[in-house]
N, C-alpha and C. Protein backbone atom coordinates (compact mmCIF):
# COMPACT_ATOMS: atom_id res chain seq x y z
N MET A 1 87.36 75.96 98.90
CA MET A 1 87.75 77.34 99.02
C MET A 1 87.76 77.74 100.49
N LYS A 2 88.80 78.44 100.93
CA LYS A 2 88.90 78.86 102.32
C LYS A 2 87.90 79.98 102.61
N PRO A 3 87.63 80.25 103.88
CA PRO A 3 86.70 81.32 104.23
C PRO A 3 87.14 82.65 103.62
N LEU A 4 86.17 83.47 103.28
CA LEU A 4 86.41 84.75 102.63
C LEU A 4 87.41 85.62 103.39
N ARG A 5 87.21 85.78 104.65
CA ARG A 5 88.04 86.71 105.43
C ARG A 5 89.51 86.32 105.40
N SER A 6 89.85 85.06 105.61
CA SER A 6 91.25 84.67 105.68
C SER A 6 91.94 84.79 104.32
N ARG A 7 91.22 84.54 103.25
CA ARG A 7 91.82 84.63 101.92
C ARG A 7 92.03 86.08 101.49
N THR A 8 91.15 86.98 101.89
CA THR A 8 91.26 88.36 101.43
C THR A 8 92.11 89.22 102.35
N GLU A 9 92.35 88.79 103.58
CA GLU A 9 93.22 89.56 104.46
C GLU A 9 94.62 89.65 103.88
N ARG A 10 94.98 88.68 103.08
CA ARG A 10 96.31 88.65 102.48
C ARG A 10 96.29 89.14 101.03
N LEU A 11 95.31 89.91 100.66
CA LEU A 11 95.21 90.40 99.29
C LEU A 11 96.35 91.39 99.04
N PRO A 12 97.34 90.99 98.23
CA PRO A 12 98.47 91.88 97.95
C PRO A 12 98.03 93.15 97.22
N GLU A 13 98.82 94.19 97.36
CA GLU A 13 98.50 95.49 96.77
C GLU A 13 98.25 95.38 95.27
N ALA A 14 99.05 94.61 94.55
CA ALA A 14 98.88 94.49 93.09
C ALA A 14 97.52 93.86 92.76
N GLU A 15 97.12 92.85 93.53
CA GLU A 15 95.82 92.22 93.31
C GLU A 15 94.70 93.21 93.65
N LEU A 16 94.87 93.95 94.71
CA LEU A 16 93.87 94.94 95.11
C LEU A 16 93.73 96.02 94.04
N ASP A 17 94.85 96.50 93.50
CA ASP A 17 94.80 97.50 92.43
C ASP A 17 94.06 96.97 91.21
N LEU A 18 94.35 95.74 90.84
CA LEU A 18 93.70 95.14 89.67
C LEU A 18 92.21 94.94 89.93
N LEU A 19 91.86 94.49 91.12
CA LEU A 19 90.46 94.29 91.47
C LEU A 19 89.70 95.62 91.47
N ALA A 20 90.32 96.66 91.98
CA ALA A 20 89.69 97.98 91.98
C ALA A 20 89.45 98.46 90.55
N GLU A 21 90.41 98.26 89.68
CA GLU A 21 90.25 98.66 88.28
C GLU A 21 89.13 97.86 87.62
N LEU A 22 89.05 96.59 87.92
CA LEU A 22 88.00 95.74 87.36
C LEU A 22 86.62 96.19 87.85
N ARG A 23 86.51 96.56 89.10
CA ARG A 23 85.24 97.07 89.63
C ARG A 23 84.82 98.33 88.90
N ARG A 24 85.77 99.22 88.62
CA ARG A 24 85.46 100.45 87.89
C ARG A 24 85.00 100.15 86.47
N ALA A 25 85.67 99.17 85.84
CA ALA A 25 85.37 98.84 84.44
C ALA A 25 84.08 98.03 84.31
N GLY A 26 83.75 97.24 85.30
CA GLY A 26 82.58 96.37 85.22
C GLY A 26 82.94 95.01 84.62
N GLU A 27 83.36 95.01 83.38
CA GLU A 27 83.85 93.81 82.70
C GLU A 27 84.97 94.26 81.79
N ALA A 28 86.07 93.52 81.77
CA ALA A 28 87.21 93.96 80.97
C ALA A 28 88.13 92.79 80.66
N SER A 29 88.87 92.95 79.59
CA SER A 29 89.91 91.97 79.24
C SER A 29 91.16 92.30 80.05
N ALA A 30 92.09 91.37 80.06
CA ALA A 30 93.36 91.60 80.75
C ALA A 30 94.08 92.81 80.14
N ALA A 31 94.02 92.95 78.81
CA ALA A 31 94.67 94.08 78.14
C ALA A 31 94.04 95.40 78.57
N ASP A 32 92.71 95.43 78.68
CA ASP A 32 92.02 96.64 79.13
C ASP A 32 92.42 96.99 80.56
N LEU A 33 92.50 95.98 81.41
CA LEU A 33 92.89 96.21 82.80
C LEU A 33 94.32 96.72 82.88
N ARG A 34 95.18 96.14 82.09
CA ARG A 34 96.59 96.57 82.08
C ARG A 34 96.69 98.04 81.71
N ARG A 35 95.96 98.44 80.68
CA ARG A 35 95.95 99.86 80.28
C ARG A 35 95.36 100.74 81.38
N GLY A 36 94.32 100.24 82.05
CA GLY A 36 93.65 101.02 83.08
C GLY A 36 94.51 101.31 84.30
N ILE A 37 95.41 100.42 84.62
CA ILE A 37 96.25 100.63 85.81
C ILE A 37 97.67 101.05 85.47
N ALA A 38 97.96 101.22 84.20
CA ALA A 38 99.34 101.48 83.76
C ALA A 38 99.97 102.70 84.42
N ARG A 39 99.21 103.77 84.63
CA ARG A 39 99.80 104.98 85.22
C ARG A 39 100.23 104.78 86.66
N ARG A 40 99.46 104.04 87.42
CA ARG A 40 99.82 103.86 88.84
C ARG A 40 100.55 102.56 89.11
N ARG A 41 100.42 101.58 88.23
CA ARG A 41 101.10 100.30 88.45
C ARG A 41 101.38 99.65 87.10
N PRO A 42 102.46 100.07 86.43
CA PRO A 42 102.80 99.44 85.15
C PRO A 42 103.18 97.97 85.36
N MET A 43 102.66 97.10 84.50
CA MET A 43 103.04 95.69 84.58
C MET A 43 102.86 95.02 83.23
N ALA A 44 103.55 93.92 83.07
CA ALA A 44 103.49 93.15 81.83
C ALA A 44 102.15 92.44 81.74
N HIS A 45 101.76 92.14 80.52
CA HIS A 45 100.49 91.44 80.27
C HIS A 45 100.46 90.10 81.02
N GLY A 46 101.56 89.39 81.00
CA GLY A 46 101.63 88.10 81.71
C GLY A 46 101.42 88.25 83.20
N SER A 47 101.91 89.34 83.77
CA SER A 47 101.71 89.59 85.20
C SER A 47 100.24 89.83 85.51
N VAL A 48 99.57 90.57 84.63
CA VAL A 48 98.14 90.82 84.81
C VAL A 48 97.38 89.49 84.78
N LEU A 49 97.73 88.63 83.82
CA LEU A 49 97.07 87.32 83.72
C LEU A 49 97.31 86.48 84.98
N THR A 50 98.53 86.53 85.50
CA THR A 50 98.84 85.79 86.72
C THR A 50 98.00 86.28 87.88
N LEU A 51 97.91 87.60 88.04
CA LEU A 51 97.12 88.17 89.13
C LEU A 51 95.64 87.85 88.96
N LEU A 52 95.14 87.90 87.74
CA LEU A 52 93.74 87.56 87.50
C LEU A 52 93.48 86.09 87.85
N GLY A 53 94.43 85.24 87.55
CA GLY A 53 94.31 83.82 87.92
C GLY A 53 94.23 83.64 89.42
N ARG A 54 95.03 84.40 90.14
CA ARG A 54 95.00 84.33 91.61
C ARG A 54 93.67 84.83 92.16
N LEU A 55 93.19 85.94 91.58
CA LEU A 55 91.90 86.48 92.01
C LEU A 55 90.76 85.51 91.70
N GLU A 56 90.86 84.85 90.56
CA GLU A 56 89.84 83.85 90.20
C GLU A 56 89.88 82.67 91.17
N ALA A 57 91.07 82.22 91.54
CA ALA A 57 91.22 81.11 92.49
C ALA A 57 90.65 81.47 93.86
N LYS A 58 90.69 82.74 94.21
CA LYS A 58 90.13 83.21 95.48
C LYS A 58 88.63 83.47 95.38
N GLY A 59 88.07 83.30 94.19
CA GLY A 59 86.63 83.52 94.01
C GLY A 59 86.25 84.98 93.89
N LEU A 60 87.21 85.85 93.59
CA LEU A 60 86.95 87.28 93.53
C LEU A 60 86.64 87.78 92.13
N VAL A 61 86.99 87.01 91.12
CA VAL A 61 86.65 87.36 89.74
C VAL A 61 86.18 86.11 89.01
N THR A 62 85.41 86.33 87.97
CA THR A 62 85.03 85.27 87.05
C THR A 62 85.46 85.70 85.67
N ARG A 63 85.55 84.72 84.78
CA ARG A 63 85.92 85.05 83.42
C ARG A 63 85.01 84.31 82.46
N ARG A 64 84.84 84.91 81.29
CA ARG A 64 84.09 84.27 80.22
C ARG A 64 84.80 84.58 78.92
N LYS A 65 84.60 83.72 77.95
CA LYS A 65 85.22 83.90 76.64
C LYS A 65 84.60 85.11 75.97
N GLY A 66 85.45 85.97 75.41
CA GLY A 66 84.97 87.14 74.68
C GLY A 66 84.32 86.73 73.36
N GLU A 67 83.61 87.67 72.75
CA GLU A 67 82.92 87.38 71.49
C GLU A 67 83.89 87.10 70.35
N SER A 68 85.04 87.73 70.36
CA SER A 68 85.99 87.51 69.27
C SER A 68 87.39 87.30 69.83
N GLY A 69 88.20 86.57 69.10
CA GLY A 69 89.57 86.33 69.52
C GLY A 69 89.65 85.35 70.67
N LYS A 70 90.83 85.33 71.31
CA LYS A 70 91.08 84.38 72.39
C LYS A 70 90.95 85.00 73.78
N ALA A 71 90.72 86.30 73.83
CA ALA A 71 90.72 87.00 75.12
C ALA A 71 89.50 86.64 75.97
N TYR A 72 89.74 86.53 77.27
CA TYR A 72 88.67 86.36 78.23
C TYR A 72 88.25 87.73 78.74
N LEU A 73 87.01 87.84 79.18
CA LEU A 73 86.51 89.03 79.83
C LEU A 73 86.29 88.69 81.30
N TYR A 74 86.76 89.55 82.17
CA TYR A 74 86.73 89.31 83.61
C TYR A 74 85.71 90.25 84.27
N THR A 75 85.12 89.75 85.34
CA THR A 75 84.14 90.51 86.12
C THR A 75 84.39 90.24 87.60
N ALA A 76 84.27 91.27 88.43
CA ALA A 76 84.37 91.08 89.88
C ALA A 76 83.11 90.38 90.36
N THR A 77 83.25 89.51 91.34
CA THR A 77 82.12 88.75 91.88
C THR A 77 81.52 89.45 93.10
N ALA A 78 80.38 88.95 93.54
CA ALA A 78 79.78 89.45 94.78
C ALA A 78 80.73 89.21 95.95
N ARG A 79 81.47 88.13 95.88
CA ARG A 79 82.47 87.82 96.91
C ARG A 79 83.55 88.91 96.95
N ALA A 80 83.90 89.47 95.79
CA ALA A 80 84.87 90.56 95.74
C ALA A 80 84.31 91.80 96.42
N GLU A 81 83.04 92.08 96.19
CA GLU A 81 82.41 93.24 96.83
C GLU A 81 82.44 93.08 98.35
N GLN A 82 82.15 91.88 98.83
CA GLN A 82 82.18 91.62 100.27
C GLN A 82 83.62 91.74 100.80
N ALA A 83 84.57 91.25 100.04
CA ALA A 83 85.98 91.34 100.45
C ALA A 83 86.41 92.79 100.59
N ILE A 84 85.99 93.63 99.66
CA ILE A 84 86.35 95.05 99.71
C ILE A 84 85.66 95.72 100.89
N ARG A 85 84.39 95.40 101.13
CA ARG A 85 83.71 95.95 102.31
C ARG A 85 84.44 95.54 103.59
N ASN A 86 84.89 94.28 103.65
CA ASN A 86 85.63 93.82 104.83
C ASN A 86 86.93 94.60 105.01
N LEU A 87 87.65 94.84 103.91
CA LEU A 87 88.89 95.60 103.99
C LEU A 87 88.64 97.02 104.49
N VAL A 88 87.64 97.67 103.93
CA VAL A 88 87.32 99.05 104.33
C VAL A 88 86.92 99.08 105.80
N THR A 89 86.10 98.13 106.22
CA THR A 89 85.68 98.07 107.62
C THR A 89 86.88 97.90 108.54
N ARG A 90 87.81 97.02 108.16
CA ARG A 90 89.01 96.83 108.98
C ARG A 90 89.83 98.10 109.06
N TRP A 91 89.96 98.82 107.93
CA TRP A 91 90.72 100.08 107.94
C TRP A 91 90.05 101.10 108.84
N ILE A 92 88.73 101.21 108.77
CA ILE A 92 88.01 102.16 109.63
C ILE A 92 88.17 101.75 111.09
N ASP A 93 88.07 100.46 111.38
CA ASP A 93 88.25 99.99 112.75
C ASP A 93 89.63 100.36 113.28
N ARG A 94 90.65 100.13 112.47
CA ARG A 94 92.03 100.37 112.92
C ARG A 94 92.38 101.85 112.98
N LEU A 95 92.04 102.59 111.94
CA LEU A 95 92.50 103.97 111.83
C LEU A 95 91.59 104.98 112.52
N TYR A 96 90.31 104.65 112.67
CA TYR A 96 89.34 105.61 113.22
C TYR A 96 88.56 105.05 114.40
N ALA A 97 89.05 103.97 114.98
CA ALA A 97 88.40 103.36 116.14
C ALA A 97 86.90 103.17 115.90
N ARG A 98 86.57 102.70 114.70
CA ARG A 98 85.19 102.41 114.26
C ARG A 98 84.32 103.64 114.12
N ASP A 99 84.91 104.83 114.11
CA ASP A 99 84.15 106.07 113.98
C ASP A 99 83.98 106.39 112.49
N ARG A 100 82.85 105.94 111.92
CA ARG A 100 82.61 106.13 110.49
C ARG A 100 82.45 107.60 110.12
N THR A 101 81.92 108.38 111.04
CA THR A 101 81.75 109.81 110.77
C THR A 101 83.11 110.48 110.60
N ALA A 102 84.06 110.14 111.47
CA ALA A 102 85.41 110.71 111.35
C ALA A 102 86.06 110.27 110.04
N PHE A 103 85.82 109.03 109.64
CA PHE A 103 86.36 108.53 108.37
C PHE A 103 85.80 109.34 107.20
N VAL A 104 84.49 109.52 107.16
CA VAL A 104 83.87 110.28 106.07
C VAL A 104 84.35 111.73 106.10
N ALA A 105 84.45 112.31 107.30
CA ALA A 105 84.93 113.69 107.42
C ALA A 105 86.34 113.83 106.84
N THR A 106 87.20 112.85 107.09
CA THR A 106 88.55 112.86 106.53
C THR A 106 88.51 112.84 105.01
N LEU A 107 87.66 112.01 104.46
CA LEU A 107 87.53 111.94 103.00
C LEU A 107 87.08 113.28 102.43
N LEU A 108 86.12 113.91 103.09
CA LEU A 108 85.58 115.18 102.60
C LEU A 108 86.58 116.33 102.76
N GLU A 109 87.38 116.27 103.82
CA GLU A 109 88.40 117.30 104.02
C GLU A 109 89.52 117.17 102.99
N GLU A 110 89.85 115.94 102.64
CA GLU A 110 90.92 115.67 101.68
C GLU A 110 90.58 116.22 100.30
N ALA A 111 89.35 116.01 99.87
CA ALA A 111 88.89 116.47 98.56
C ALA A 111 87.44 116.90 98.71
N PRO A 112 87.20 118.20 98.85
CA PRO A 112 85.82 118.67 99.04
C PRO A 112 84.91 118.15 97.92
N PRO A 113 83.71 117.70 98.31
CA PRO A 113 82.81 117.12 97.32
C PRO A 113 82.17 118.16 96.42
N SER A 114 81.82 117.72 95.22
CA SER A 114 81.08 118.57 94.28
C SER A 114 79.63 118.63 94.72
N ALA A 115 78.85 119.50 94.10
CA ALA A 115 77.42 119.60 94.41
C ALA A 115 76.72 118.27 94.12
N ASP A 116 77.09 117.62 93.02
CA ASP A 116 76.50 116.32 92.69
C ASP A 116 76.84 115.27 93.74
N GLU A 117 78.08 115.28 94.22
CA GLU A 117 78.49 114.32 95.24
C GLU A 117 77.74 114.57 96.55
N ILE A 118 77.57 115.83 96.89
CA ILE A 118 76.82 116.17 98.11
C ILE A 118 75.39 115.66 98.00
N GLN A 119 74.77 115.84 96.84
CA GLN A 119 73.41 115.35 96.65
C GLN A 119 73.37 113.83 96.74
N SER A 120 74.36 113.16 96.16
CA SER A 120 74.42 111.69 96.24
C SER A 120 74.55 111.24 97.69
N LEU A 121 75.39 111.93 98.46
CA LEU A 121 75.54 111.60 99.88
C LEU A 121 74.23 111.80 100.64
N LYS A 122 73.55 112.89 100.35
CA LYS A 122 72.25 113.14 100.98
C LYS A 122 71.27 112.02 100.64
N ASN A 123 71.27 111.59 99.38
CA ASN A 123 70.37 110.50 98.97
C ASN A 123 70.69 109.21 99.71
N VAL A 124 71.98 108.92 99.87
CA VAL A 124 72.38 107.71 100.60
C VAL A 124 71.90 107.79 102.05
N LEU A 125 72.12 108.94 102.68
CA LEU A 125 71.70 109.11 104.07
C LEU A 125 70.19 109.01 104.22
N GLU A 126 69.45 109.64 103.30
CA GLU A 126 67.99 109.57 103.35
C GLU A 126 67.51 108.13 103.17
N SER A 127 68.15 107.39 102.28
CA SER A 127 67.79 106.00 102.04
C SER A 127 68.02 105.17 103.30
N HIS A 128 69.15 105.40 103.96
CA HIS A 128 69.44 104.66 105.20
C HIS A 128 68.48 105.06 106.31
N GLU A 129 68.15 106.33 106.38
CA GLU A 129 67.21 106.80 107.40
C GLU A 129 65.83 106.19 107.17
N ALA A 130 65.40 106.12 105.92
CA ALA A 130 64.09 105.56 105.60
C ALA A 130 64.02 104.06 105.88
N SER A 131 65.16 103.37 105.80
CA SER A 131 65.16 101.92 106.01
C SER A 131 65.31 101.54 107.49
N LYS A 132 65.61 102.51 108.35
CA LYS A 132 65.72 102.22 109.78
C LYS A 132 64.35 101.97 110.37
N PRO A 133 64.26 101.01 111.30
CA PRO A 133 62.97 100.79 111.96
C PRO A 133 62.57 102.01 112.76
N LYS A 134 61.31 102.34 112.72
CA LYS A 134 60.79 103.48 113.49
C LYS A 134 60.73 103.09 114.96
N THR A 135 61.23 104.00 115.80
CA THR A 135 61.20 103.73 117.24
C THR A 135 60.34 104.77 117.91
N SER A 136 59.76 104.38 119.02
CA SER A 136 58.93 105.29 119.80
C SER A 136 59.85 106.19 120.60
N ARG A 137 59.49 107.46 120.68
CA ARG A 137 60.28 108.42 121.44
C ARG A 137 59.62 108.70 122.80
N GLY A 138 58.77 107.79 123.27
CA GLY A 138 58.17 107.96 124.59
C GLY A 138 56.92 108.81 124.57
N HIS A 139 56.42 109.16 123.37
CA HIS A 139 55.19 109.96 123.30
C HIS A 139 53.99 109.05 123.40
N SER A 140 52.91 109.53 124.07
CA SER A 140 51.71 108.74 124.21
C SER A 140 50.66 109.20 123.26
């Protein structure tokens, strides 16, 4: 298998859409994924299977036999999560000159967050602040 970065830099939009839907679903059959993306990207069942095969070859999804019938159930891998983080990081680097605050501000301006989302963001920030190493501020 080629290095993660080189294989995912060429992730076509259709594969990215399917991978995003799979991440939302957690585990899903090809038919479930097809229904999940139908509004934004209608495609034939065979096309979904082809894309899932490509994602599996890249190490971004795994499959297991379902409990009934012939359908497989697909799951995004940890490698897929890393690939998506790499894509987002590259977009932030290119579009916002690595300014993550400007990126988040753009997201919040586009669609103002709900009270629950604001609390979730506060929790994330507090968690990151708590995990930072404590530094001395020059006090004796």
